[in-house]
C-alpha atoms as a PDB file:
ATOM      1  CA  GLN A   1      57.745  21.290 -51.748  1.00  0.00           C
ATOM      2  CA  VAL A   2      56.426  21.201 -48.144  1.00  0.00           C
ATOM      3  CA  TYR A   3      55.393  17.563 -48.491  1.00  0.00           C
ATOM      4  CA  GLY A   4      58.853  16.730 -49.909  1.00  0.00           C
ATOM      5  CA  GLU A   5      60.509  18.280 -46.852  1.00  0.00           C
ATOM      6  CA  TYR A   6      58.117  16.374 -44.616  1.00  0.00           C
ATOM      7  CA  LYS A   7      58.958  13.090 -46.404  1.00  0.00           C
ATOM      8  CA  ARG A   8      62.699  13.751 -45.920  1.00  0.00           C
ATOM      9  CA  TYR A   9      62.035  14.452 -42.230  1.00  0.00           C
ATOM     10  CA  LEU A  10      60.034  11.212 -41.982  1.00  0.00           C
ATOM     11  CA  GLY A  11      62.829   9.341 -43.727  1.00  0.00           C
ATOM     12  CA  ASP A  12      65.201  10.315 -40.928  1.00  0.00           C
ATOM     13  CA  ARG A  13      62.640   9.266 -38.323  1.00  0.00           C
ATOM     14  CA  VAL A  14      61.942   5.952 -40.104  1.00  0.00           C
ATOM     15  CA  ALA A  15      65.675   5.199 -40.017  1.00  0.00           C
ATOM     16  CA  GLU A  16      65.467   5.668 -36.232  1.00  0.00           C
ATOM     17  CA  GLY A  17      62.425   3.345 -36.062  1.00  0.00           C
ATOM     18  CA  ASP A  18      60.199   6.263 -35.062  1.00  0.00           C
ATOM     19  CA  ALA A  19      57.788   6.882 -37.955  1.00  0.00           C
ATOM     20  CA  ASP A  20      55.571   5.221 -40.468  1.00  0.00           C
ATOM     21  CA  GLU A  21      52.759   6.684 -42.517  1.00  0.00           C
ATOM     22  CA  VAL A  22      49.244   5.342 -42.215  1.00  0.00           C
ATOM     23  CA  ARG A  23      46.020   6.498 -43.848  1.00  0.00           C
ATOM     24  CA  ARG A  24      43.243   7.476 -41.472  1.00  0.00           C
ATOM     25  CA  PHE A  25      39.939   9.376 -41.584  1.00  0.00           C
ATOM     26  CA  HIS A  26      39.354  12.586 -39.616  1.00  0.00           C
ATOM     27  CA  GLY A  27      35.916  14.134 -39.099  1.00  0.00           C
ATOM     28  CA  THR A  28      35.433  17.660 -37.773  1.00  0.00           C
ATOM     29  CA  SER A  29      33.166  20.710 -37.810  1.00  0.00           C
ATOM     30  CA  LEU A  30      32.264  23.291 -40.428  1.00  0.00           C
ATOM     31  CA  SER A  31      31.096  26.790 -39.526  1.00  0.00           C
ATOM     32  CA  ALA A  32      27.349  27.274 -39.991  1.00  0.00           C
ATOM     33  CA  ALA A  33      28.024  30.171 -42.407  1.00  0.00           C
ATOM     34  CA  CYS A  34      30.744  28.385 -44.389  1.00  0.00           C
ATOM     35  CA  ARG A  35      30.005  27.287 -47.972  1.00  0.00           C
ATOM     36  CA  PHE A  36      33.311  25.497 -48.605  1.00  0.00           C
ATOM     37  CA  GLY A  37      32.653  21.971 -49.828  1.00  0.00           C
ATOM     38  CA  VAL A  38      28.964  22.773 -50.292  1.00  0.00           C
ATOM     39  CA  ASP A  39      29.509  25.265 -53.099  1.00  0.00           C
ATOM     40  CA  LEU A  40      32.274  23.809 -55.257  1.00  0.00           C
ATOM     41  CA  THR A  41      33.411  27.300 -56.245  1.00  0.00           C
ATOM     42  CA  ALA A  42      33.856  28.429 -52.620  1.00  0.00           C
ATOM     43  CA  THR A  43      37.321  28.722 -51.116  1.00  0.00           C
ATOM     44  CA  PRO A  44      38.165  27.961 -47.463  1.00  0.00           C
ATOM     45  CA  CYS A  45      36.662  30.592 -45.155  1.00  0.00           C
ATOM     46  CA  SER A  46      38.578  32.450 -42.443  1.00  0.00           C
ATOM     47  CA  GLN A  47      36.078  31.986 -39.618  1.00  0.00           C
ATOM     48  CA  ASN A  48      37.650  30.858 -36.341  1.00  0.00           C
ATOM     49  CA  ASP A  49      34.913  28.308 -35.662  1.00  0.00           C
ATOM     50  CA  CYS A  50      35.411  26.486 -38.977  1.00  0.00           C
ATOM     51  CA  ALA A  51      37.724  23.561 -38.301  1.00  0.00           C
ATOM     52  CA  VAL A  52      37.481  22.197 -41.859  1.00  0.00           C
ATOM     53  CA  CYS A  53      38.755  25.463 -43.373  1.00  0.00           C
ATOM     54  CA  GLY A  54      41.336  25.905 -40.610  1.00  0.00           C
ATOM     55  CA  ILE A  55      42.820  22.515 -41.473  1.00  0.00           C
ATOM     56  CA  CYS A  56      42.766  23.401 -45.179  1.00  0.00           C
ATOM     57  CA  ARG A  57      44.477  26.761 -44.546  1.00  0.00           C
ATOM     58  CA  VAL A  58      47.129  25.893 -41.926  1.00  0.00           C
ATOM     59  CA  GLY A  59      46.998  22.130 -41.381  1.00  0.00           C
ATOM     60  CA  PHE A  60      46.371  20.321 -38.117  1.00  0.00           C
ATOM     61  CA  ASP A  61      47.256  22.552 -35.180  1.00  0.00           C
ATOM     62  CA  LEU A  62      46.994  21.432 -31.555  1.00  0.00           C
ATOM     63  CA  SER A  63      46.362  25.012 -30.417  1.00  0.00           C
ATOM     64  CA  ARG A  64      43.061  24.820 -32.342  1.00  0.00           C
ATOM     65  CA  SER A  65      42.221  21.338 -31.050  1.00  0.00           C
ATOM     66  CA  THR A  66      39.051  21.593 -28.969  1.00  0.00           C
ATOM     67  CA  PRO A  67      36.029  19.438 -28.249  1.00  0.00           C
ATOM     68  CA  ASN A  68      33.912  21.771 -30.477  1.00  0.00           C
ATOM     69  CA  GLY A  69      34.384  19.500 -33.492  1.00  0.00           C
ATOM     70  CA  ALA A  70      33.265  16.593 -31.377  1.00  0.00           C
ATOM     71  CA  ALA A  71      30.166  18.105 -29.815  1.00  0.00           C
ATOM     72  CA  ARG A  72      28.530  14.749 -29.128  1.00  0.00           C
ATOM     73  CA  MET A  73      31.755  12.909 -28.338  1.00  0.00           C
ATOM     74  CA  ALA A  74      33.956  12.670 -25.291  1.00  0.00           C
ATOM     75  CA  LEU A  75      37.647  13.232 -25.900  1.00  0.00           C
ATOM     76  CA  ARG A  76      38.560   9.825 -24.490  1.00  0.00           C
ATOM     77  CA  TYR A  77      42.291  10.397 -24.717  1.00  0.00           C
ATOM     78  CA  GLY A  78      42.599  14.141 -24.119  1.00  0.00           C
ATOM     79  CA  ALA A  79      43.165  17.024 -26.519  1.00  0.00           C
ATOM     80  CA  GLY A  80      44.793  15.839 -29.717  1.00  0.00           C
ATOM     81  CA  HIS A  81      44.169  15.067 -33.359  1.00  0.00           C
ATOM     82  CA  TYR A  82      41.761  12.107 -33.607  1.00  0.00           C
ATOM     83  CA  PHE A  83      41.842   9.714 -36.562  1.00  0.00           C
ATOM     84  CA  SER A  84      40.350   6.323 -37.353  1.00  0.00           C
ATOM     85  CA  ARG A  85      40.749   3.653 -40.006  1.00  0.00           C
ATOM     86  CA  THR A  86      36.942   3.324 -39.754  1.00  0.00           C
ATOM     87  CA  SER A  87      35.149   6.032 -41.739  1.00  0.00           C
ATOM     88  CA  SER A  88      31.921   5.678 -39.740  1.00  0.00           C
ATOM     89  CA  LYS A  89      33.832   6.518 -36.534  1.00  0.00           C
ATOM     90  CA  SER A  90      35.166   9.741 -38.061  1.00  0.00           C
ATOM     91  CA  ASN A  91      31.731  10.449 -39.517  1.00  0.00           C
ATOM     92  CA  ASP A  92      30.409  10.628 -35.932  1.00  0.00           C
ATOM     93  CA  TYR A  93      32.873  13.466 -35.226  1.00  0.00           C
ATOM     94  CA  ALA A  94      31.720  15.299 -38.383  1.00  0.00           C
ATOM     95  CA  VAL A  95      28.138  15.913 -37.220  1.00  0.00           C
ATOM     96  CA  ASN A  96      28.734  19.697 -37.177  1.00  0.00           C
ATOM     97  CA  SER A  97      29.711  19.659 -40.835  1.00  0.00           C
ATOM     98  CA  GLU A  98      26.451  18.091 -42.020  1.00  0.00           C
ATOM     99  CA  ARG A  99      24.710  19.894 -44.870  1.00  0.00           C
ATOM    100  CA  LEU A 100      21.841  19.095 -47.190  1.00  0.00           C
ATOM    101  CA  ILE A 101      23.332  18.889 -50.698  1.00  0.00           C
ATOM    102  CA  ALA A 102      21.128  17.897 -53.650  1.00  0.00           C
ATOM    103  CA  GLY A 103      18.581  16.475 -51.210  1.00  0.00           C
ATOM    104  CA  GLN A 104      21.126  14.295 -49.383  1.00  0.00           C
ATOM    105  CA  ARG A 105      22.646  14.749 -45.943  1.00  0.00           C
ATOM    106  CA  THR A 106      26.389  15.071 -46.428  1.00  0.00           C
ATOM    107  CA  ARG A 107      29.251  15.386 -43.921  1.00  0.00           C
ATOM    108  CA  MET A 108      32.860  16.345 -44.547  1.00  0.00           C
ATOM    109  CA  MET A 109      35.836  14.232 -43.607  1.00  0.00           C
ATOM    110  CA  PHE A 110      39.506  14.192 -44.430  1.00  0.00           C
ATOM    111  CA  LEU A 111      41.418  11.126 -45.555  1.00  0.00           C
ATOM    112  CA  CYS A 112      44.890  11.825 -44.197  1.00  0.00           C
ATOM    113  CA  LYS A 113      48.375  10.433 -44.304  1.00  0.00           C
ATOM    114  CA  VAL A 114      49.369  10.350 -40.644  1.00  0.00           C
ATOM    115  CA  ALA A 115      52.803   9.708 -39.107  1.00  0.00           C
ATOM    116  CA  PRO A 116      51.971   8.481 -35.586  1.00  0.00           C
ATOM    117  CA  GLY A 117      55.567   8.116 -34.418  1.00  0.00           C
ATOM    118  CA  LYS A 118      56.031   5.793 -31.469  1.00  0.00           C
ATOM    119  CA  VAL A 119      52.553   4.524 -30.591  1.00  0.00           C
ATOM    120  CA  PHE A 120      51.233   3.556 -27.162  1.00  0.00           C
ATOM    121  CA  THR A 121      48.449   0.968 -27.395  1.00  0.00           C
ATOM    122  CA  ALA A 122      45.682   1.826 -24.942  1.00  0.00           C
ATOM    123  CA  THR A 123      43.939  -0.979 -23.112  1.00  0.00           C
ATOM    124  CA  GLU A 124      41.484   1.377 -21.398  1.00  0.00           C
ATOM    125  CA  ALA A 125      38.573   3.237 -23.000  1.00  0.00           C
ATOM    126  CA  TYR A 126      39.614   6.519 -21.319  1.00  0.00           C
ATOM    127  CA  MET A 127      43.019   7.902 -20.385  1.00  0.00           C
ATOM    128  CA  GLN A 128      45.046  11.078 -20.601  1.00  0.00           C
ATOM    129  CA  PRO A 129      48.207  11.508 -22.680  1.00  0.00           C
ATOM    130  CA  GLN A 130      50.193  12.038 -19.459  1.00  0.00           C
ATOM    131  CA  GLN A 131      49.527   8.363 -18.645  1.00  0.00           C
ATOM    132  CA  MET A 132      51.425   7.052 -21.664  1.00  0.00           C
ATOM    133  CA  PRO A 133      55.223   6.596 -21.622  1.00  0.00           C
ATOM    134  CA  ARG A 134      57.134   9.831 -22.258  1.00  0.00           C
ATOM    135  CA  ASP A 135      58.821   8.485 -25.388  1.00  0.00           C
ATOM    136  CA  CYS A 136      55.475   7.891 -27.149  1.00  0.00           C
ATOM    137  CA  HIS A 137      53.918  10.388 -29.567  1.00  0.00           C
ATOM    138  CA  SER A 138      50.411   8.976 -29.970  1.00  0.00           C
ATOM    139  CA  ILE A 139      47.806   6.643 -28.511  1.00  0.00           C
ATOM    140  CA  GLU A 140      46.085   3.936 -30.488  1.00  0.00           C
ATOM    141  CA  ALA A 141      42.978   2.302 -29.066  1.00  0.00           C
ATOM    142  CA  ARG A 142      41.961  -0.767 -30.978  1.00  0.00           C
ATOM    143  CA  SER A 143      38.460  -1.992 -31.627  1.00  0.00           C
ATOM    144  CA  THR A 144      36.948  -4.837 -29.648  1.00  0.00           C
ATOM    145  CA  ALA A 145      37.297  -6.962 -32.801  1.00  0.00           C
ATOM    146  CA  GLN A 146      41.068  -6.325 -32.531  1.00  0.00           C
ATOM    147  CA  GLY A 147      41.083  -7.058 -28.790  1.00  0.00           C
ATOM    148  CA  GLY A 148      40.831  -3.396 -27.750  1.00  0.00           C
ATOM    149  CA  PRO A 149      38.421  -1.372 -25.593  1.00  0.00           C
ATOM    150  CA  LEU A 150      36.441   0.533 -28.282  1.00  0.00           C
ATOM    151  CA  ASN A 151      33.732  -0.297 -30.814  1.00  0.00           C
ATOM    152  CA  HIS A 152      35.905   1.353 -33.498  1.00  0.00           C
ATOM    153  CA  ASP A 153      39.609   2.157 -33.418  1.00  0.00           C
ATOM    154  CA  GLU A 154      41.042   5.610 -32.688  1.00  0.00           C
ATOM    155  CA  LEU A 155      44.515   7.026 -33.232  1.00  0.00           C
ATOM    156  CA  VAL A 156      45.276  10.237 -31.334  1.00  0.00           C
ATOM    157  CA  ILE A 157      48.284  12.358 -32.274  1.00  0.00           C
ATOM    158  CA  TYR A 158      49.697  14.827 -29.741  1.00  0.00           C
ATOM    159  CA  ARG A 159      52.109  16.805 -31.932  1.00  0.00           C
ATOM    160  CA  ASN A 160      51.889  19.110 -34.937  1.00  0.00           C
ATOM    161  CA  GLU A 161      54.865  17.744 -36.908  1.00  0.00           C
END
């Protein structure tokens, strides 16, 4: 039912030329004590430092968006929800979810349907959302192979819708 309402909302935005859905990967952190995804019978935990379970419980929420899930990464484009069409890019952000499962190192990622709204294409490797036009909802930085500034693309969303 919630997704149906969201699709109707997107339909209105698409008619205004403001929304499309794209599929992107998102990597984030898992609390050290959390067993969700490791133990297939475990349910999402309620620990504040578990971004994976927070997303599962309440969805993406900018108020919970911090650099903690990206311990080794700089937030190139400010606080927001980071996605990539390149799984290995999102895998880098998932370092704090790594677990040893059946003798193999495993990290957790989400494959998401994302509605970026009006996108600003970044030509710089670093910038803040305040530098993009006010009518834009997200920043896309393309890979060098696509003529952009990054090794792998990033899409950063600055709203919870």
